[in-house]
């Protein structure tokens, strides 16, 4: 069952057994969301939403984070006034072994090819 959001300071997240492969793949299919996940994968402490300088409006950025959270890819929590984001690596690795590492490796190769004109 999805964790309820009793106040605006607590965000709903799917329980591990509610995370679906098709939802995760959809969330990771967008280049900006994949960029967010790549950055989160490099930082175990969690990053605030304001850390990300995405080339879209604030409402579109909020949408991308919501898609990632509702798919079970990230965990969001408030720390003071900042909303911190962390990758749900343990849940994703338990449910879909190797998926996240494969996607991150492929995204890194693609970024490298793009950076070198390939």
PDB file of N, CA and C in Angstrom:
ATOM      1  N   UNK A   1       0.835  -1.183   0.000  1.00  0.00           N
ATOM      2  CA  UNK A   1       0.000   0.000   0.000  1.00  0.00           C
ATOM      3  C   UNK A   1       0.880   1.247   0.000  1.00  0.00           C
ATOM      4  N   UNK A   2       0.483   2.258  -0.718  1.00  0.00           N
ATOM      5  CA  UNK A   2       1.234   3.497  -0.812  1.00  0.00           C
ATOM      6  C   UNK A   2       1.213   4.209   0.525  1.00  0.00           C
ATOM      7  N   UNK A   3       2.367   4.748   0.903  1.00  0.00           N
ATOM      8  CA  UNK A   3       2.467   5.510   2.131  1.00  0.00           C
ATOM      9  C   UNK A   3       1.648   6.784   1.983  1.00  0.00           C
ATOM     10  N   UNK A   4       0.759   7.022   2.922  1.00  0.00           N
ATOM     11  CA  UNK A   4      -0.123   8.187   2.859  1.00  0.00           C
ATOM     12  C   UNK A   4       0.650   9.465   3.147  1.00  0.00           C
ATOM     13  N   UNK A   5       0.109  10.570   2.696  1.00  0.00           N
ATOM     14  CA  UNK A   5       0.700  11.877   2.944  1.00  0.00           C
ATOM     15  C   UNK A   5      -0.242  12.677   3.834  1.00  0.00           C
ATOM     16  N   UNK A   6      -0.138  12.523   5.175  1.00  0.00           N
ATOM     17  CA  UNK A   6      -1.073  13.182   6.071  1.00  0.00           C
ATOM     18  C   UNK A   6      -0.927  14.689   6.136  1.00  0.00           C
ATOM     19  N   UNK A   7       0.244  15.228   5.798  1.00  0.00           N
ATOM     20  CA  UNK A   7       0.420  16.671   5.764  1.00  0.00           C
ATOM     21  C   UNK A   7       1.232  17.035   4.539  1.00  0.00           C
ATOM     22  N   UNK A   8       1.320  18.322   4.262  1.00  0.00           N
ATOM     23  CA  UNK A   8       2.066  18.744   3.089  1.00  0.00           C
ATOM     24  C   UNK A   8       3.574  18.522   3.262  1.00  0.00           C
ATOM     25  N   UNK A   9       4.011  18.238   4.467  1.00  0.00           N
ATOM     26  CA  UNK A   9       5.437  18.038   4.721  1.00  0.00           C
ATOM     27  C   UNK A   9       5.855  16.575   4.589  1.00  0.00           C
ATOM     28  N   UNK A  10       4.888  15.669   4.401  1.00  0.00           N
ATOM     29  CA  UNK A  10       5.202  14.255   4.220  1.00  0.00           C
ATOM     30  C   UNK A  10       4.724  13.862   2.827  1.00  0.00           C
ATOM     31  N   UNK A  11       5.614  13.308   2.047  1.00  0.00           N
ATOM     32  CA  UNK A  11       5.292  12.970   0.660  1.00  0.00           C
ATOM     33  C   UNK A  11       5.005  11.478   0.526  1.00  0.00           C
ATOM     34  N   UNK A  12       4.032  11.142  -0.311  1.00  0.00           N
ATOM     35  CA  UNK A  12       3.666   9.736  -0.534  1.00  0.00           C
ATOM     36  C   UNK A  12       4.696   9.065  -1.440  1.00  0.00           C
ATOM     37  N   UNK A  13       5.085   7.859  -1.052  1.00  0.00           N
ATOM     38  CA  UNK A  13       6.009   7.033  -1.828  1.00  0.00           C
ATOM     39  C   UNK A  13       5.422   5.638  -1.932  1.00  0.00           C
ATOM     40  N   UNK A  14       5.631   4.963  -3.051  1.00  0.00           N
ATOM     41  CA  UNK A  14       5.156   3.579  -3.125  1.00  0.00           C
ATOM     42  C   UNK A  14       5.993   2.683  -2.215  1.00  0.00           C
ATOM     43  N   UNK A  15       5.329   1.705  -1.620  1.00  0.00           N
ATOM     44  CA  UNK A  15       6.056   0.688  -0.867  1.00  0.00           C
ATOM     45  C   UNK A  15       6.888  -0.121  -1.854  1.00  0.00           C
ATOM     46  N   UNK A  16       7.914  -0.790  -1.354  1.00  0.00           N
ATOM     47  CA  UNK A  16       8.798  -1.554  -2.250  1.00  0.00           C
ATOM     48  C   UNK A  16       8.001  -2.504  -3.138  1.00  0.00           C
ATOM     49  N   UNK A  17       7.040  -3.219  -2.564  1.00  0.00           N
ATOM     50  CA  UNK A  17       6.304  -4.208  -3.356  1.00  0.00           C
ATOM     51  C   UNK A  17       5.323  -3.581  -4.345  1.00  0.00           C
ATOM     52  N   UNK A  18       5.171  -2.269  -4.309  1.00  0.00           N
ATOM     53  CA  UNK A  18       4.313  -1.570  -5.276  1.00  0.00           C
ATOM     54  C   UNK A  18       5.098  -1.003  -6.461  1.00  0.00           C
ATOM     55  N   UNK A  19       6.405  -1.027  -6.390  1.00  0.00           N
ATOM     56  CA  UNK A  19       7.222  -0.486  -7.474  1.00  0.00           C
ATOM     57  C   UNK A  19       7.151  -1.443  -8.657  1.00  0.00           C
ATOM     58  N   UNK A  20       6.776  -0.912  -9.806  1.00  0.00           N
ATOM     59  CA  UNK A  20       6.584  -1.712 -11.016  1.00  0.00           C
ATOM     60  C   UNK A  20       7.672  -1.384 -12.042  1.00  0.00           C
ATOM     61  N   UNK A  21       8.128  -2.396 -12.729  1.00  0.00           N
ATOM     62  CA  UNK A  21       9.174  -2.230 -13.729  1.00  0.00           C
ATOM     63  C   UNK A  21       8.776  -1.201 -14.783  1.00  0.00           C
ATOM     64  N   UNK A  22       7.553  -1.279 -15.278  1.00  0.00           N
ATOM     65  CA  UNK A  22       7.144  -0.353 -16.338  1.00  0.00           C
ATOM     66  C   UNK A  22       7.148   1.096 -15.846  1.00  0.00           C
ATOM     67  N   UNK A  23       6.819   1.313 -14.576  1.00  0.00           N
ATOM     68  CA  UNK A  23       6.867   2.661 -14.007  1.00  0.00           C
ATOM     69  C   UNK A  23       8.285   3.176 -13.883  1.00  0.00           C
ATOM     70  N   UNK A  24       9.194   2.309 -13.455  1.00  0.00           N
ATOM     71  CA  UNK A  24      10.608   2.681 -13.337  1.00  0.00           C
ATOM     72  C   UNK A  24      11.180   2.995 -14.718  1.00  0.00           C
ATOM     73  N   UNK A  25      10.905   2.130 -15.688  1.00  0.00           N
ATOM     74  CA  UNK A  25      11.423   2.361 -17.041  1.00  0.00           C
ATOM     75  C   UNK A  25      10.863   3.646 -17.636  1.00  0.00           C
ATOM     76  N   UNK A  26       9.586   3.916 -17.398  1.00  0.00           N
ATOM     77  CA  UNK A  26       8.996   5.170 -17.872  1.00  0.00           C
ATOM     78  C   UNK A  26       9.703   6.363 -17.230  1.00  0.00           C
ATOM     79  N   UNK A  27       9.909   6.305 -15.925  1.00  0.00           N
ATOM     80  CA  UNK A  27      10.554   7.413 -15.215  1.00  0.00           C
ATOM     81  C   UNK A  27      11.968   7.646 -15.735  1.00  0.00           C
ATOM     82  N   UNK A  28      12.670   6.572 -16.060  1.00  0.00           N
ATOM     83  CA  UNK A  28      14.050   6.688 -16.531  1.00  0.00           C
ATOM     84  C   UNK A  28      14.147   7.013 -18.024  1.00  0.00           C
ATOM     85  N   UNK A  29      13.030   7.006 -18.729  1.00  0.00           N
ATOM     86  CA  UNK A  29      13.059   7.217 -20.180  1.00  0.00           C
ATOM     87  C   UNK A  29      13.225   8.678 -20.584  1.00  0.00           C
ATOM     88  N   UNK A  30      13.004   9.592 -19.662  1.00  0.00           N
ATOM     89  CA  UNK A  30      13.136  11.011 -19.981  1.00  0.00           C
ATOM     90  C   UNK A  30      14.575  11.468 -19.724  1.00  0.00           C
ATOM     91  N   UNK A  31      15.197  12.174 -20.672  1.00  0.00           N
ATOM     92  CA  UNK A  31      16.594  12.586 -20.501  1.00  0.00           C
ATOM     93  C   UNK A  31      16.851  13.435 -19.248  1.00  0.00           C
ATOM     94  N   UNK A  32      15.929  14.334 -18.909  1.00  0.00           N
ATOM     95  CA  UNK A  32      16.138  15.163 -17.721  1.00  0.00           C
ATOM     96  C   UNK A  32      16.016  14.338 -16.437  1.00  0.00           C
ATOM     97  N   UNK A  33      15.049  13.429 -16.408  1.00  0.00           N
ATOM     98  CA  UNK A  33      14.924  12.578 -15.217  1.00  0.00           C
ATOM     99  C   UNK A  33      16.134  11.658 -15.091  1.00  0.00           C
ATOM    100  N   UNK A  34      16.626  11.167 -16.212  1.00  0.00           N
ATOM    101  CA  UNK A  34      17.815  10.328 -16.187  1.00  0.00           C
ATOM    102  C   UNK A  34      19.025  11.126 -15.693  1.00  0.00           C
ATOM    103  N   UNK A  35      19.124  12.375 -16.086  1.00  0.00           N
ATOM    104  CA  UNK A  35      20.187  13.246 -15.587  1.00  0.00           C
ATOM    105  C   UNK A  35      20.107  13.385 -14.069  1.00  0.00           C
ATOM    106  N   UNK A  36      18.911  13.592 -13.548  1.00  0.00           N
ATOM    107  CA  UNK A  36      18.708  13.694 -12.101  1.00  0.00           C
ATOM    108  C   UNK A  36      19.160  12.407 -11.413  1.00  0.00           C
ATOM    109  N   UNK A  37      18.761  11.269 -11.949  1.00  0.00           N
ATOM    110  CA  UNK A  37      19.118   9.981 -11.353  1.00  0.00           C
ATOM    111  C   UNK A  37      20.634   9.773 -11.406  1.00  0.00           C
ATOM    112  N   UNK A  38      21.257  10.157 -12.493  1.00  0.00           N
ATOM    113  CA  UNK A  38      22.723  10.025 -12.588  1.00  0.00           C
ATOM    114  C   UNK A  38      23.410  10.851 -11.505  1.00  0.00           C
ATOM    115  N   UNK A  39      22.929  12.066 -11.269  1.00  0.00           N
ATOM    116  CA  UNK A  39      23.532  12.903 -10.226  1.00  0.00           C
ATOM    117  C   UNK A  39      23.269  12.319  -8.844  1.00  0.00           C
ATOM    118  N   UNK A  40      22.074  11.825  -8.612  1.00  0.00           N
ATOM    119  CA  UNK A  40      21.757  11.231  -7.313  1.00  0.00           C
ATOM    120  C   UNK A  40      22.590   9.978  -7.065  1.00  0.00           C
ATOM    121  N   UNK A  41      22.904   9.241  -8.112  1.00  0.00           N
ATOM    122  CA  UNK A  41      23.703   8.026  -7.972  1.00  0.00           C
ATOM    123  C   UNK A  41      25.130   8.348  -7.529  1.00  0.00           C
ATOM    124  N   UNK A  42      25.570   9.562  -7.782  1.00  0.00           N
ATOM    125  CA  UNK A  42      26.925   9.977  -7.386  1.00  0.00           C
ATOM    126  C   UNK A  42      26.975  10.528  -5.972  1.00  0.00           C
ATOM    127  N   UNK A  43      25.817  10.745  -5.331  1.00  0.00           N
ATOM    128  CA  UNK A  43      25.781  11.401  -4.020  1.00  0.00           C
ATOM    129  C   UNK A  43      24.879  10.631  -3.069  1.00  0.00           C
ATOM    130  N   UNK A  44      25.481   9.907  -2.124  1.00  0.00           N
ATOM    131  CA  UNK A  44      24.698   9.099  -1.187  1.00  0.00           C
ATOM    132  C   UNK A  44      23.949   9.924  -0.140  1.00  0.00           C
ATOM    133  N   UNK A  45      24.367  11.167   0.092  1.00  0.00           N
ATOM    134  CA  UNK A  45      23.771  11.979   1.148  1.00  0.00           C
ATOM    135  C   UNK A  45      22.412  12.559   0.756  1.00  0.00           C
ATOM    136  N   UNK A  46      22.110  12.592  -0.525  1.00  0.00           N
ATOM    137  CA  UNK A  46      20.871  13.214  -0.986  1.00  0.00           C
ATOM    138  C   UNK A  46      21.131  14.647  -1.413  1.00  0.00           C
ATOM    139  N   UNK A  47      20.368  15.076  -2.387  1.00  0.00           N
ATOM    140  CA  UNK A  47      20.534  16.412  -2.942  1.00  0.00           C
ATOM    141  C   UNK A  47      19.205  17.150  -2.922  1.00  0.00           C
ATOM    142  N   UNK A  48      19.257  18.440  -2.660  1.00  0.00           N
ATOM    143  CA  UNK A  48      18.029  19.238  -2.659  1.00  0.00           C
ATOM    144  C   UNK A  48      17.583  19.482  -4.099  1.00  0.00           C
ATOM    145  N   UNK A  49      16.309  19.770  -4.251  1.00  0.00           N
ATOM    146  CA  UNK A  49      15.780  20.069  -5.590  1.00  0.00           C
ATOM    147  C   UNK A  49      16.509  21.261  -6.199  1.00  0.00           C
ATOM    148  N   UNK A  50      16.874  22.243  -5.361  1.00  0.00           N
ATOM    149  CA  UNK A  50      17.530  23.447  -5.873  1.00  0.00           C
ATOM    150  C   UNK A  50      18.947  23.160  -6.381  1.00  0.00           C
ATOM    151  N   UNK A  51      19.518  22.016  -6.040  1.00  0.00           N
ATOM    152  CA  UNK A  51      20.844  21.635  -6.539  1.00  0.00           C
ATOM    153  C   UNK A  51      20.825  21.455  -8.060  1.00  0.00           C
ATOM    154  N   UNK A  52      19.691  21.018  -8.590  1.00  0.00           N
ATOM    155  CA  UNK A  52      19.580  20.681 -10.005  1.00  0.00           C
ATOM    156  C   UNK A  52      19.203  21.914 -10.807  1.00  0.00           C
ATOM    157  N   UNK A  53      20.003  22.221 -11.821  1.00  0.00           N
ATOM    158  CA  UNK A  53      19.744  23.366 -12.685  1.00  0.00           C
ATOM    159  C   UNK A  53      19.249  22.837 -14.028  1.00  0.00           C
ATOM    160  N   UNK A  54      17.981  22.447 -14.045  1.00  0.00           N
ATOM    161  CA  UNK A  54      17.410  21.875 -15.256  1.00  0.00           C
ATOM    162  C   UNK A  54      16.904  22.999 -16.167  1.00  0.00           C
ATOM    163  N   UNK A  55      17.009  22.829 -17.485  1.00  0.00           N
ATOM    164  CA  UNK A  55      16.624  23.881 -18.433  1.00  0.00           C
ATOM    165  C   UNK A  55      15.117  23.922 -18.706  1.00  0.00           C
ATOM    166  N   UNK A  56      14.331  23.838 -17.635  1.00  0.00           N
ATOM    167  CA  UNK A  56      12.871  23.859 -17.742  1.00  0.00           C
ATOM    168  C   UNK A  56      12.311  24.713 -16.612  1.00  0.00           C
ATOM    169  N   UNK A  57      11.020  25.003 -16.668  1.00  0.00           N
ATOM    170  CA  UNK A  57      10.388  25.813 -15.626  1.00  0.00           C
ATOM    171  C   UNK A  57      10.364  25.055 -14.302  1.00  0.00           C
ATOM    172  N   UNK A  58      10.135  25.790 -13.230  1.00  0.00           N
ATOM    173  CA  UNK A  58      10.066  25.182 -11.902  1.00  0.00           C
ATOM    174  C   UNK A  58       8.938  24.147 -11.845  1.00  0.00           C
ATOM    175  N   UNK A  59       7.805  24.442 -12.458  1.00  0.00           N
ATOM    176  CA  UNK A  59       6.688  23.489 -12.413  1.00  0.00           C
ATOM    177  C   UNK A  59       7.023  22.208 -13.177  1.00  0.00           C
ATOM    178  N   UNK A  60       7.764  22.324 -14.274  1.00  0.00           N
ATOM    179  CA  UNK A  60       8.175  21.130 -15.020  1.00  0.00           C
ATOM    180  C   UNK A  60       9.202  20.332 -14.222  1.00  0.00           C
ATOM    181  N   UNK A  61      10.120  21.024 -13.551  1.00  0.00           N
ATOM    182  CA  UNK A  61      11.075  20.342 -12.679  1.00  0.00           C
ATOM    183  C   UNK A  61      10.334  19.576 -11.594  1.00  0.00           C
ATOM    184  N   UNK A  62       9.353  20.207 -10.974  1.00  0.00           N
ATOM    185  CA  UNK A  62       8.543  19.560  -9.936  1.00  0.00           C
ATOM    186  C   UNK A  62       7.868  18.318 -10.498  1.00  0.00           C
ATOM    187  N   UNK A  63       7.352  18.413 -11.700  1.00  0.00           N
ATOM    188  CA  UNK A  63       6.714  17.270 -12.356  1.00  0.00           C
ATOM    189  C   UNK A  63       7.704  16.114 -12.508  1.00  0.00           C
ATOM    190  N   UNK A  64       8.912  16.406 -12.974  1.00  0.00           N
ATOM    191  CA  UNK A  64       9.911  15.350 -13.165  1.00  0.00           C
ATOM    192  C   UNK A  64      10.251  14.656 -11.844  1.00  0.00           C
ATOM    193  N   UNK A  65      10.405  15.424 -10.779  1.00  0.00           N
ATOM    194  CA  UNK A  65      10.688  14.819  -9.470  1.00  0.00           C
ATOM    195  C   UNK A  65       9.500  13.981  -8.994  1.00  0.00           C
ATOM    196  N   UNK A  66       8.284  14.450  -9.258  1.00  0.00           N
ATOM    197  CA  UNK A  66       7.102  13.684  -8.850  1.00  0.00           C
ATOM    198  C   UNK A  66       7.024  12.350  -9.601  1.00  0.00           C
ATOM    199  N   UNK A  67       7.316  12.362 -10.892  1.00  0.00           N
ATOM    200  CA  UNK A  67       7.313  11.117 -11.676  1.00  0.00           C
ATOM    201  C   UNK A  67       8.330  10.136 -11.099  1.00  0.00           C
ATOM    202  N   UNK A  68       9.524  10.613 -10.787  1.00  0.00           N
ATOM    203  CA  UNK A  68      10.554   9.745 -10.209  1.00  0.00           C
ATOM    204  C   UNK A  68      10.127   9.195  -8.851  1.00  0.00           C
ATOM    205  N   UNK A  69       9.521  10.046  -8.014  1.00  0.00           N
ATOM    206  CA  UNK A  69       9.072   9.607  -6.682  1.00  0.00           C
ATOM    207  C   UNK A  69       7.934   8.610  -6.784  1.00  0.00           C
ATOM    208  N   UNK A  70       6.942   8.908  -7.607  1.00  0.00           N
ATOM    209  CA  UNK A  70       5.776   8.027  -7.706  1.00  0.00           C
ATOM    210  C   UNK A  70       6.123   6.687  -8.352  1.00  0.00           C
ATOM    211  N   UNK A  71       7.187   6.647  -9.153  1.00  0.00           N
ATOM    212  CA  UNK A  71       7.635   5.387  -9.752  1.00  0.00           C
ATOM    213  C   UNK A  71       8.465   4.565  -8.769  1.00  0.00           C
ATOM    214  N   UNK A  72       8.897   5.201  -7.672  1.00  0.00           N
ATOM    215  CA  UNK A  72       9.717   4.504  -6.690  1.00  0.00           C
ATOM    216  C   UNK A  72      11.202   4.591  -6.961  1.00  0.00           C
ATOM    217  N   UNK A  73      11.599   5.490  -7.853  1.00  0.00           N
ATOM    218  CA  UNK A  73      13.009   5.632  -8.197  1.00  0.00           C
ATOM    219  C   UNK A  73      13.743   6.481  -7.152  1.00  0.00           C
ATOM    220  N   UNK A  74      13.067   7.498  -6.622  1.00  0.00           N
ATOM    221  CA  UNK A  74      13.691   8.355  -5.608  1.00  0.00           C
ATOM    222  C   UNK A  74      12.824   8.424  -4.361  1.00  0.00           C
ATOM    223  N   UNK A  75      13.468   8.807  -3.287  1.00  0.00           N
ATOM    224  CA  UNK A  75      12.814   9.079  -2.005  1.00  0.00           C
ATOM    225  C   UNK A  75      12.979  10.568  -1.769  1.00  0.00           C
ATOM    226  N   UNK A  76      11.898  11.248  -1.402  1.00  0.00           N
ATOM    227  CA  UNK A  76      11.981  12.672  -1.108  1.00  0.00           C
ATOM    228  C   UNK A  76      11.556  12.900   0.331  1.00  0.00           C
ATOM    229  N   UNK A  77      12.259  13.802   0.998  1.00  0.00           N
ATOM    230  CA  UNK A  77      11.893  14.170   2.367  1.00  0.00           C
ATOM    231  C   UNK A  77      12.277  15.622   2.597  1.00  0.00           C
ATOM    232  N   UNK A  78      11.578  16.231   3.520  1.00  0.00           N
ATOM    233  CA  UNK A  78      11.893  17.613   3.863  1.00  0.00           C
ATOM    234  C   UNK A  78      12.929  17.642   4.968  1.00  0.00           C
ATOM    235  N   UNK A  79      13.904  18.520   4.806  1.00  0.00           N
ATOM    236  CA  UNK A  79      14.859  18.816   5.857  1.00  0.00           C
ATOM    237  C   UNK A  79      14.858  20.323   5.978  1.00  0.00           C
ATOM    238  N   UNK A  80      14.158  20.812   6.992  1.00  0.00           N
ATOM    239  CA  UNK A  80      13.933  22.250   7.090  1.00  0.00           C
ATOM    240  C   UNK A  80      13.027  22.670   5.951  1.00  0.00           C
ATOM    241  N   UNK A  81      13.457  23.644   5.184  1.00  0.00           N
ATOM    242  CA  UNK A  81      12.647  24.095   4.051  1.00  0.00           C
ATOM    243  C   UNK A  81      13.073  23.431   2.745  1.00  0.00           C
ATOM    244  N   UNK A  82      14.150  22.665   2.791  1.00  0.00           N
ATOM    245  CA  UNK A  82      14.644  22.006   1.577  1.00  0.00           C
ATOM    246  C   UNK A  82      14.014  20.629   1.408  1.00  0.00           C
ATOM    247  N   UNK A  83      13.720  20.290   0.174  1.00  0.00           N
ATOM    248  CA  UNK A  83      13.246  18.946  -0.148  1.00  0.00           C
ATOM    249  C   UNK A  83      14.447  18.169  -0.650  1.00  0.00           C
ATOM    250  N   UNK A  84      14.838  17.128   0.116  1.00  0.00           N
ATOM    251  CA  UNK A  84      15.989  16.324  -0.259  1.00  0.00           C
ATOM    252  C   UNK A  84      15.555  15.114  -1.065  1.00  0.00           C
ATOM    253  N   UNK A  85      16.385  14.748  -2.012  1.00  0.00           N
ATOM    254  CA  UNK A  85      16.119  13.630  -2.908  1.00  0.00           C
ATOM    255  C   UNK A  85      17.233  12.615  -2.783  1.00  0.00           C
ATOM    256  N   UNK A  86      16.846  11.353  -2.704  1.00  0.00           N
ATOM    257  CA  UNK A  86      17.815  10.281  -2.671  1.00  0.00           C
ATOM    258  C   UNK A  86      17.346   9.137  -3.547  1.00  0.00           C
ATOM    259  N   UNK A  87      18.278   8.460  -4.124  1.00  0.00           N
ATOM    260  CA  UNK A  87      17.976   7.324  -4.980  1.00  0.00           C
ATOM    261  C   UNK A  87      17.564   6.127  -4.122  1.00  0.00           C
ATOM    262  N   UNK A  88      16.516   5.426  -4.505  1.00  0.00           N
ATOM    263  CA  UNK A  88      16.072   4.233  -3.778  1.00  0.00           C
ATOM    264  C   UNK A  88      16.814   3.009  -4.319  1.00  0.00           C
ATOM    265  N   UNK A  89      18.134   3.083  -4.273  1.00  0.00           N
ATOM    266  CA  UNK A  89      18.982   2.054  -4.857  1.00  0.00           C
ATOM    267  C   UNK A  89      18.718   0.678  -4.256  1.00  0.00           C
ATOM    268  N   UNK A  90      18.620   0.594  -2.944  1.00  0.00           N
ATOM    269  CA  UNK A  90      18.421  -0.719  -2.308  1.00  0.00           C
ATOM    270  C   UNK A  90      17.122  -1.363  -2.786  1.00  0.00           C
ATOM    271  N   UNK A  91      16.056  -0.582  -2.858  1.00  0.00           N
ATOM    272  CA  UNK A  91      14.776  -1.124  -3.323  1.00  0.00           C
ATOM    273  C   UNK A  91      14.859  -1.547  -4.784  1.00  0.00           C
ATOM    274  N   UNK A  92      15.438  -0.691  -5.618  1.00  0.00           N
ATOM    275  CA  UNK A  92      15.529  -1.002  -7.050  1.00  0.00           C
ATOM    276  C   UNK A  92      16.432  -2.201  -7.299  1.00  0.00           C
ATOM    277  N   UNK A  93      17.555  -2.280  -6.576  1.00  0.00           N
ATOM    278  CA  UNK A  93      18.462  -3.414  -6.752  1.00  0.00           C
ATOM    279  C   UNK A  93      17.827  -4.715  -6.284  1.00  0.00           C
ATOM    280  N   UNK A  94      17.022  -4.658  -5.224  1.00  0.00           N
ATOM    281  CA  UNK A  94      16.355  -5.865  -4.727  1.00  0.00           C
ATOM    282  C   UNK A  94      15.279  -6.348  -5.697  1.00  0.00           C
ATOM    283  N   UNK A  95      14.550  -5.404  -6.276  1.00  0.00           N
ATOM    284  CA  UNK A  95      13.455  -5.766  -7.178  1.00  0.00           C
ATOM    285  C   UNK A  95      13.932  -6.110  -8.583  1.00  0.00           C
ATOM    286  N   UNK A  96      14.908  -5.355  -9.084  1.00  0.00           N
ATOM    287  CA  UNK A  96      15.360  -5.485 -10.470  1.00  0.00           C
ATOM    288  C   UNK A  96      16.892  -5.519 -10.494  1.00  0.00           C
ATOM    289  N   UNK A  97      17.483  -6.629 -10.063  1.00  0.00           N
ATOM    290  CA  UNK A  97      18.946  -6.706  -9.936  1.00  0.00           C
ATOM    291  C   UNK A  97      19.663  -6.319 -11.233  1.00  0.00           C
ATOM    292  N   UNK A  98      20.587  -5.385 -11.099  1.00  0.00           N
ATOM    293  CA  UNK A  98      21.402  -4.958 -12.232  1.00  0.00           C
ATOM    294  C   UNK A  98      20.783  -3.889 -13.112  1.00  0.00           C
ATOM    295  N   UNK A  99      19.496  -3.645 -12.984  1.00  0.00           N
ATOM    296  CA  UNK A  99      18.832  -2.688 -13.878  1.00  0.00           C
ATOM    297  C   UNK A  99      19.414  -1.285 -13.735  1.00  0.00           C
ATOM    298  N   UNK A 100      19.450  -0.785 -12.520  1.00  0.00           N
ATOM    299  CA  UNK A 100      19.910   0.583 -12.312  1.00  0.00           C
ATOM    300  C   UNK A 100      21.355   0.751 -12.761  1.00  0.00           C
ATOM    301  N   UNK A 101      22.222  -0.184 -12.396  1.00  0.00           N
ATOM    302  CA  UNK A 101      23.625  -0.089 -12.813  1.00  0.00           C
ATOM    303  C   UNK A 101      23.748  -0.128 -14.332  1.00  0.00           C
ATOM    304  N   UNK A 102      22.959  -0.962 -14.991  1.00  0.00           N
ATOM    305  CA  UNK A 102      22.998  -1.048 -16.458  1.00  0.00           C
ATOM    306  C   UNK A 102      22.530   0.253 -17.101  1.00  0.00           C
ATOM    307  N   UNK A 103      21.453   0.811 -16.592  1.00  0.00           N
ATOM    308  CA  UNK A 103      20.927   2.069 -17.137  1.00  0.00           C
ATOM    309  C   UNK A 103      21.931   3.193 -16.913  1.00  0.00           C
ATOM    310  N   UNK A 104      22.503   3.267 -15.717  1.00  0.00           N
ATOM    311  CA  UNK A 104      23.481   4.319 -15.428  1.00  0.00           C
ATOM    312  C   UNK A 104      24.729   4.180 -16.298  1.00  0.00           C
ATOM    313  N   UNK A 105      25.199   2.952 -16.503  1.00  0.00           N
ATOM    314  CA  UNK A 105      26.367   2.728 -17.350  1.00  0.00           C
ATOM    315  C   UNK A 105      26.064   3.117 -18.801  1.00  0.00           C
ATOM    316  N   UNK A 106      24.896   2.742 -19.288  1.00  0.00           N
ATOM    317  CA  UNK A 106      24.511   3.087 -20.655  1.00  0.00           C
ATOM    318  C   UNK A 106      24.366   4.599 -20.814  1.00  0.00           C
ATOM    319  N   UNK A 107      23.798   5.260 -19.812  1.00  0.00           N
ATOM    320  CA  UNK A 107      23.637   6.717 -19.865  1.00  0.00           C
ATOM    321  C   UNK A 107      25.000   7.407 -19.861  1.00  0.00           C
ATOM    322  N   UNK A 108      25.943   6.886 -19.097  1.00  0.00           N
ATOM    323  CA  UNK A 108      27.286   7.463 -19.063  1.00  0.00           C
ATOM    324  C   UNK A 108      27.975   7.305 -20.421  1.00  0.00           C
ATOM    325  N   UNK A 109      27.831   6.138 -21.040  1.00  0.00           N
ATOM    326  CA  UNK A 109      28.417   5.918 -22.366  1.00  0.00           C
ATOM    327  C   UNK A 109      27.800   6.856 -23.399  1.00  0.00           C
ATOM    328  N   UNK A 110      26.492   7.013 -23.321  1.00  0.00           N
ATOM    329  CA  UNK A 110      25.811   7.908 -24.258  1.00  0.00           C
ATOM    330  C   UNK A 110      26.270   9.346 -24.063  1.00  0.00           C
ATOM    331  N   UNK A 111      26.377   9.788 -22.824  1.00  0.00           N
ATOM    332  CA  UNK A 111      26.840  11.149 -22.531  1.00  0.00           C
ATOM    333  C   UNK A 111      28.256  11.347 -23.047  1.00  0.00           C
ATOM    334  N   UNK A 112      29.092  10.335 -22.876  1.00  0.00           N
ATOM    335  CA  UNK A 112      30.475  10.414 -23.344  1.00  0.00           C
ATOM    336  C   UNK A 112      30.526  10.523 -24.871  1.00  0.00           C
ATOM    337  N   UNK A 113      29.694   9.730 -25.546  1.00  0.00           N
ATOM    338  CA  UNK A 113      29.632   9.798 -27.009  1.00  0.00           C
ATOM    339  C   UNK A 113      29.166  11.170 -27.463  1.00  0.00           C
ATOM    340  N   UNK A 114      28.154  11.713 -26.786  1.00  0.00           N
ATOM    341  CA  UNK A 114      27.622  13.036 -27.140  1.00  0.00           C
ATOM    342  C   UNK A 114      28.658  14.121 -26.921  1.00  0.00           C
ATOM    343  N   UNK A 115      29.428  14.000 -25.844  1.00  0.00           N
ATOM    344  CA  UNK A 115      30.439  14.998 -25.531  1.00  0.00           C
ATOM    345  C   UNK A 115      31.588  14.988 -26.540  1.00  0.00           C
ATOM    346  N   UNK A 116      31.796  13.840 -27.181  1.00  0.00           N
ATOM    347  CA  UNK A 116      32.886  13.727 -28.140  1.00  0.00           C
ATOM    348  C   UNK A 116      32.378  13.726 -29.591  1.00  0.00           C
ATOM    349  N   UNK A 117      31.166  14.242 -29.778  1.00  0.00           N
ATOM    350  CA  UNK A 117      30.638  14.392 -31.121  1.00  0.00           C
ATOM    351  C   UNK A 117      30.193  13.121 -31.788  1.00  0.00           C
ATOM    352  N   UNK A 118      29.895  12.085 -30.970  1.00  0.00           N
ATOM    353  CA  UNK A 118      29.514  10.796 -31.567  1.00  0.00           C
ATOM    354  C   UNK A 118      28.076  10.535 -31.628  1.00  0.00           C
TER     355      UNK A 118
END
